[in-house]
Amino acid sequence: MSKAHRGKGLRETAGHGRGTCPVCKREGVKIVYEQEVEGQKLKICKTCKATLANKKAAAAVK
């Protein structure tokens, strides 16, 4: 299984894929997951991606 968000592919990006997450405002985290947030395509961190997925799953159950 490929590990696209681990390292080799990130070396070409600015800051090796690290920066400030636009959702949680944390600095120095990998921002590599494209997600649609409020109608905009943003690159967000792993934690925010999981949070959005969990909220979506919880809303589907109700």
PDB file of N, CA and C in Angstrom:
ATOM      1  N   MET A   1       0.836  -1.162   0.000  1.00  0.00           N
ATOM      2  CA  MET A   1       0.000   0.000   0.000  1.00  0.00           C
ATOM      3  C   MET A   1       0.899   1.251   0.000  1.00  0.00           C
ATOM      4  N   SER A   2       0.529   2.240  -0.802  1.00  0.00           N
ATOM      5  CA  SER A   2       1.374   3.431  -0.884  1.00  0.00           C
ATOM      6  C   SER A   2       1.188   4.320   0.347  1.00  0.00           C
ATOM      7  N   LYS A   3       2.191   5.105   0.608  1.00  0.00           N
ATOM      8  CA  LYS A   3       2.152   6.029   1.734  1.00  0.00           C
ATOM      9  C   LYS A   3       2.419   7.431   1.186  1.00  0.00           C
ATOM     10  N   ALA A   4       1.407   7.994   0.535  1.00  0.00           N
ATOM     11  CA  ALA A   4       1.559   9.236  -0.203  1.00  0.00           C
ATOM     12  C   ALA A   4       1.827  10.444   0.681  1.00  0.00           C
ATOM     13  N   HIS A   5       1.445  10.397   1.934  1.00  0.00           N
ATOM     14  CA  HIS A   5       1.581  11.569   2.793  1.00  0.00           C
ATOM     15  C   HIS A   5       2.751  11.443   3.759  1.00  0.00           C
ATOM     16  N   ARG A   6       3.715  10.563   3.469  1.00  0.00           N
ATOM     17  CA  ARG A   6       4.796  10.290   4.402  1.00  0.00           C
ATOM     18  C   ARG A   6       6.031  11.167   4.199  1.00  0.00           C
ATOM     19  N   GLY A   7       6.489  11.350   2.960  1.00  0.00           N
ATOM     20  CA  GLY A   7       7.730  12.092   2.857  1.00  0.00           C
ATOM     21  C   GLY A   7       8.221  12.380   1.461  1.00  0.00           C
ATOM     22  N   LYS A   8       8.469  11.351   0.639  1.00  0.00           N
ATOM     23  CA  LYS A   8       9.118  11.563  -0.644  1.00  0.00           C
ATOM     24  C   LYS A   8       8.339  12.536  -1.527  1.00  0.00           C
ATOM     25  N   GLY A   9       7.040  12.391  -1.603  1.00  0.00           N
ATOM     26  CA  GLY A   9       6.226  13.287  -2.405  1.00  0.00           C
ATOM     27  C   GLY A   9       6.094  14.675  -1.819  1.00  0.00           C
ATOM     28  N   LEU A  10       6.369  14.813  -0.537  1.00  0.00           N
ATOM     29  CA  LEU A  10       6.245  16.110   0.135  1.00  0.00           C
ATOM     30  C   LEU A  10       7.503  16.953   0.020  1.00  0.00           C
ATOM     31  N   ARG A  11       8.608  16.332  -0.377  1.00  0.00           N
ATOM     32  CA  ARG A  11       9.868  17.079  -0.429  1.00  0.00           C
ATOM     33  C   ARG A  11       9.851  18.187  -1.469  1.00  0.00           C
ATOM     34  N   GLU A  12       9.041  18.028  -2.518  1.00  0.00           N
ATOM     35  CA  GLU A  12       8.968  19.049  -3.563  1.00  0.00           C
ATOM     36  C   GLU A  12       8.082  20.219  -3.165  1.00  0.00           C
ATOM     37  N   THR A  13       7.205  20.041  -2.183  1.00  0.00           N
ATOM     38  CA  THR A  13       6.290  21.103  -1.790  1.00  0.00           C
ATOM     39  C   THR A  13       6.984  22.102  -0.874  1.00  0.00           C
ATOM     40  N   ALA A  14       6.400  23.284  -0.774  1.00  0.00           N
ATOM     41  CA  ALA A  14       6.963  24.329   0.077  1.00  0.00           C
ATOM     42  C   ALA A  14       6.906  23.893   1.537  1.00  0.00           C
ATOM     43  N   GLY A  15       7.990  24.014   2.235  1.00  0.00           N
ATOM     44  CA  GLY A  15       8.054  23.647   3.647  1.00  0.00           C
ATOM     45  C   GLY A  15       7.857  22.171   3.899  1.00  0.00           C
ATOM     46  N   HIS A  16       8.113  21.353   2.876  1.00  0.00           N
ATOM     47  CA  HIS A  16       7.930  19.903   2.972  1.00  0.00           C
ATOM     48  C   HIS A  16       6.515  19.538   3.420  1.00  0.00           C
ATOM     49  N   GLY A  17       5.515  20.317   2.955  1.00  0.00           N
ATOM     50  CA  GLY A  17       4.122  20.020   3.267  1.00  0.00           C
ATOM     51  C   GLY A  17       3.667  20.537   4.613  1.00  0.00           C
ATOM     52  N   ARG A  18       4.510  21.290   5.290  1.00  0.00           N
ATOM     53  CA  ARG A  18       4.145  21.790   6.615  1.00  0.00           C
ATOM     54  C   ARG A  18       3.741  23.259   6.548  1.00  0.00           C
ATOM     55  N   GLY A  19       2.863  23.639   7.460  1.00  0.00           N
ATOM     56  CA  GLY A  19       2.402  25.018   7.516  1.00  0.00           C
ATOM     57  C   GLY A  19       1.349  25.167   8.599  1.00  0.00           C
ATOM     58  N   THR A  20       0.454  26.143   8.418  1.00  0.00           N
ATOM     59  CA  THR A  20      -0.612  26.406   9.366  1.00  0.00           C
ATOM     60  C   THR A  20      -1.926  25.887   8.796  1.00  0.00           C
ATOM     61  N   CYS A  21      -2.616  25.065   9.567  1.00  0.00           N
ATOM     62  CA  CYS A  21      -3.906  24.510   9.139  1.00  0.00           C
ATOM     63  C   CYS A  21      -4.944  25.628   9.160  1.00  0.00           C
ATOM     64  N   PRO A  22      -5.706  25.812   8.073  1.00  0.00           N
ATOM     65  CA  PRO A  22      -6.700  26.889   8.043  1.00  0.00           C
ATOM     66  C   PRO A  22      -7.914  26.625   8.936  1.00  0.00           C
ATOM     67  N   VAL A  23      -8.126  25.397   9.356  1.00  0.00           N
ATOM     68  CA  VAL A  23      -9.293  25.067  10.174  1.00  0.00           C
ATOM     69  C   VAL A  23      -8.986  25.230  11.659  1.00  0.00           C
ATOM     70  N   CYS A  24      -7.923  24.562  12.145  1.00  0.00           N
ATOM     71  CA  CYS A  24      -7.616  24.592  13.581  1.00  0.00           C
ATOM     72  C   CYS A  24      -6.529  25.613  13.937  1.00  0.00           C
ATOM     73  N   LYS A  25      -5.893  26.192  12.937  1.00  0.00           N
ATOM     74  CA  LYS A  25      -4.864  27.231  13.122  1.00  0.00           C
ATOM     75  C   LYS A  25      -3.598  26.734  13.802  1.00  0.00           C
ATOM     76  N   ARG A  26      -3.363  25.406  13.839  1.00  0.00           N
ATOM     77  CA  ARG A  26      -2.116  24.893  14.405  1.00  0.00           C
ATOM     78  C   ARG A  26      -0.987  25.120  13.417  1.00  0.00           C
ATOM     79  N   GLU A  27       0.192  25.402  13.927  1.00  0.00           N
ATOM     80  CA  GLU A  27       1.349  25.683  13.087  1.00  0.00           C
ATOM     81  C   GLU A  27       2.303  24.502  13.068  1.00  0.00           C
ATOM     82  N   GLY A  28       3.008  24.325  11.959  1.00  0.00           N
ATOM     83  CA  GLY A  28       4.046  23.311  11.857  1.00  0.00           C
ATOM     84  C   GLY A  28       3.535  21.900  11.654  1.00  0.00           C
ATOM     85  N   VAL A  29       2.291  21.737  11.211  1.00  0.00           N
ATOM     86  CA  VAL A  29       1.743  20.402  10.967  1.00  0.00           C
ATOM     87  C   VAL A  29       1.688  20.154   9.462  1.00  0.00           C
ATOM     88  N   LYS A  30       1.673  18.884   9.069  1.00  0.00           N
ATOM     89  CA  LYS A  30       1.547  18.560   7.657  1.00  0.00           C
ATOM     90  C   LYS A  30       0.145  18.929   7.188  1.00  0.00           C
ATOM     91  N   ILE A  31       0.084  19.675   6.094  1.00  0.00           N
ATOM     92  CA  ILE A  31      -1.190  20.090   5.520  1.00  0.00           C
ATOM     93  C   ILE A  31      -1.288  19.454   4.146  1.00  0.00           C
ATOM     94  N   VAL A  32      -1.743  18.221   4.094  1.00  0.00           N
ATOM     95  CA  VAL A  32      -1.682  17.485   2.839  1.00  0.00           C
ATOM     96  C   VAL A  32      -3.013  16.886   2.406  1.00  0.00           C
ATOM     97  N   TYR A  33      -4.055  17.023   3.204  1.00  0.00           N
ATOM     98  CA  TYR A  33      -5.331  16.394   2.889  1.00  0.00           C
ATOM     99  C   TYR A  33      -6.279  17.424   2.288  1.00  0.00           C
ATOM    100  N   GLU A  34      -6.674  17.232   1.015  1.00  0.00           N
ATOM    101  CA  GLU A  34      -7.617  18.142   0.382  1.00  0.00           C
ATOM    102  C   GLU A  34      -9.020  17.780   0.829  1.00  0.00           C
ATOM    103  N   GLN A  35      -9.747  18.792   1.301  1.00  0.00           N
ATOM    104  CA  GLN A  35     -11.091  18.578   1.807  1.00  0.00           C
ATOM    105  C   GLN A  35     -11.921  19.802   1.455  1.00  0.00           C
ATOM    106  N   GLU A  36     -13.211  19.608   1.211  1.00  0.00           N
ATOM    107  CA  GLU A  36     -14.090  20.736   0.951  1.00  0.00           C
ATOM    108  C   GLU A  36     -14.670  21.207   2.281  1.00  0.00           C
ATOM    109  N   VAL A  37     -14.365  22.466   2.636  1.00  0.00           N
ATOM    110  CA  VAL A  37     -14.817  23.050   3.890  1.00  0.00           C
ATOM    111  C   VAL A  37     -15.546  24.337   3.546  1.00  0.00           C
ATOM    112  N   GLU A  38     -16.829  24.392   3.893  1.00  0.00           N
ATOM    113  CA  GLU A  38     -17.662  25.577   3.644  1.00  0.00           C
ATOM    114  C   GLU A  38     -17.630  25.999   2.184  1.00  0.00           C
ATOM    115  N   GLY A  39     -17.673  25.041   1.282  1.00  0.00           N
ATOM    116  CA  GLY A  39     -17.716  25.329  -0.141  1.00  0.00           C
ATOM    117  C   GLY A  39     -16.368  25.612  -0.781  1.00  0.00           C
ATOM    118  N   GLN A  40     -15.290  25.566  -0.015  1.00  0.00           N
ATOM    119  CA  GLN A  40     -13.956  25.826  -0.549  1.00  0.00           C
ATOM    120  C   GLN A  40     -13.104  24.575  -0.428  1.00  0.00           C
ATOM    121  N   LYS A  41     -12.275  24.311  -1.445  1.00  0.00           N
ATOM    122  CA  LYS A  41     -11.321  23.203  -1.367  1.00  0.00           C
ATOM    123  C   LYS A  41     -10.093  23.714  -0.632  1.00  0.00           C
ATOM    124  N   LEU A  42      -9.812  23.123   0.522  1.00  0.00           N
ATOM    125  CA  LEU A  42      -8.667  23.518   1.324  1.00  0.00           C
ATOM    126  C   LEU A  42      -7.792  22.317   1.605  1.00  0.00           C
ATOM    127  N   LYS A  43      -6.518  22.566   1.860  1.00  0.00           N
ATOM    128  CA  LYS A  43      -5.620  21.526   2.348  1.00  0.00           C
ATOM    129  C   LYS A  43      -5.576  21.669   3.856  1.00  0.00           C
ATOM    130  N   ILE A  44      -5.909  20.565   4.548  1.00  0.00           N
ATOM    131  CA  ILE A  44      -6.006  20.608   6.000  1.00  0.00           C
ATOM    132  C   ILE A  44      -5.147  19.511   6.618  1.00  0.00           C
ATOM    133  N   CYS A  45      -4.998  19.558   7.947  1.00  0.00           N
ATOM    134  CA  CYS A  45      -4.182  18.576   8.652  1.00  0.00           C
ATOM    135  C   CYS A  45      -4.968  17.281   8.884  1.00  0.00           C
ATOM    136  N   LYS A  46      -4.271  16.258   9.317  1.00  0.00           N
ATOM    137  CA  LYS A  46      -4.850  14.936   9.529  1.00  0.00           C
ATOM    138  C   LYS A  46      -5.931  14.957  10.618  1.00  0.00           C
ATOM    139  N   THR A  47      -5.701  15.702  11.684  1.00  0.00           N
ATOM    140  CA  THR A  47      -6.652  15.768  12.787  1.00  0.00           C
ATOM    141  C   THR A  47      -7.970  16.395  12.349  1.00  0.00           C
ATOM    142  N   CYS A  48      -7.888  17.474  11.590  1.00  0.00           N
ATOM    143  CA  CYS A  48      -9.101  18.139  11.115  1.00  0.00           C
ATOM    144  C   CYS A  48      -9.850  17.262  10.111  1.00  0.00           C
ATOM    145  N   LYS A  49      -9.115  16.522   9.299  1.00  0.00           N
ATOM    146  CA  LYS A  49      -9.747  15.616   8.346  1.00  0.00           C
ATOM    147  C   LYS A  49     -10.557  14.561   9.084  1.00  0.00           C
ATOM    148  N   ALA A  50      -9.987  13.995  10.150  1.00  0.00           N
ATOM    149  CA  ALA A  50     -10.685  12.981  10.942  1.00  0.00           C
ATOM    150  C   ALA A  50     -11.885  13.581  11.660  1.00  0.00           C
ATOM    151  N   THR A  51     -11.758  14.798  12.170  1.00  0.00           N
ATOM    152  CA  THR A  51     -12.849  15.458  12.866  1.00  0.00           C
ATOM    153  C   THR A  51     -14.022  15.688  11.926  1.00  0.00           C
ATOM    154  N   LEU A  52     -13.735  16.159  10.716  1.00  0.00           N
ATOM    155  CA  LEU A  52     -14.804  16.396   9.746  1.00  0.00           C
ATOM    156  C   LEU A  52     -15.477  15.088   9.335  1.00  0.00           C
ATOM    157  N   ALA A  53     -14.705  14.034   9.179  1.00  0.00           N
ATOM    158  CA  ALA A  53     -15.266  12.736   8.821  1.00  0.00           C
ATOM    159  C   ALA A  53     -16.148  12.194   9.944  1.00  0.00           C
ATOM    160  N   ASN A  54     -15.727  12.359  11.197  1.00  0.00           N
ATOM    161  CA  ASN A  54     -16.517  11.893  12.327  1.00  0.00           C
ATOM    162  C   ASN A  54     -17.818  12.677  12.467  1.00  0.00           C
ATOM    163  N   LYS A  55     -17.774  13.989  12.240  1.00  0.00           N
ATOM    164  CA  LYS A  55     -18.994  14.797  12.290  1.00  0.00           C
ATOM    165  C   LYS A  55     -19.962  14.393  11.196  1.00  0.00           C
ATOM    166  N   LYS A  56     -19.434  14.117  10.005  1.00  0.00           N
ATOM    167  CA  LYS A  56     -20.267  13.701   8.889  1.00  0.00           C
ATOM    168  C   LYS A  56     -20.927  12.354   9.182  1.00  0.00           C
ATOM    169  N   ALA A  57     -20.191  11.421   9.759  1.00  0.00           N
ATOM    170  CA  ALA A  57     -20.725  10.090  10.099  1.00  0.00           C
ATOM    171  C   ALA A  57     -21.775  10.196  11.199  1.00  0.00           C
ATOM    172  N   ALA A  58     -21.556  11.063  12.180  1.00  0.00           N
ATOM    173  CA  ALA A  58     -22.517  11.237  13.261  1.00  0.00           C
ATOM    174  C   ALA A  58     -23.816  11.854  12.750  1.00  0.00           C
ATOM    175  N   ALA A  59     -23.702  12.769  11.799  1.00  0.00           N
ATOM    176  CA  ALA A  59     -24.892  13.395  11.222  1.00  0.00           C
ATOM    177  C   ALA A  59     -25.687  12.398  10.395  1.00  0.00           C
ATOM    178  N   ALA A  60     -25.004  11.455   9.772  1.00  0.00           N
ATOM    179  CA  ALA A  60     -25.680  10.443   8.944  1.00  0.00           C
ATOM    180  C   ALA A  60     -26.469   9.466   9.819  1.00  0.00           C
ATOM    181  N   VAL A  61     -26.021   9.233  11.052  1.00  0.00           N
ATOM    182  CA  VAL A  61     -26.688   8.296  11.953  1.00  0.00           C
ATOM    183  C   VAL A  61     -28.002   8.884  12.454  1.00  0.00           C
ATOM    184  N   LYS A  62     -28.020  10.158  12.710  1.00  0.00           N
ATOM    185  CA  LYS A  62     -29.216  10.814  13.266  1.00  0.00           C
ATOM    186  C   LYS A  62     -30.312  10.945  12.285  1.00  0.00           C
TER     187      LYS A  62
END
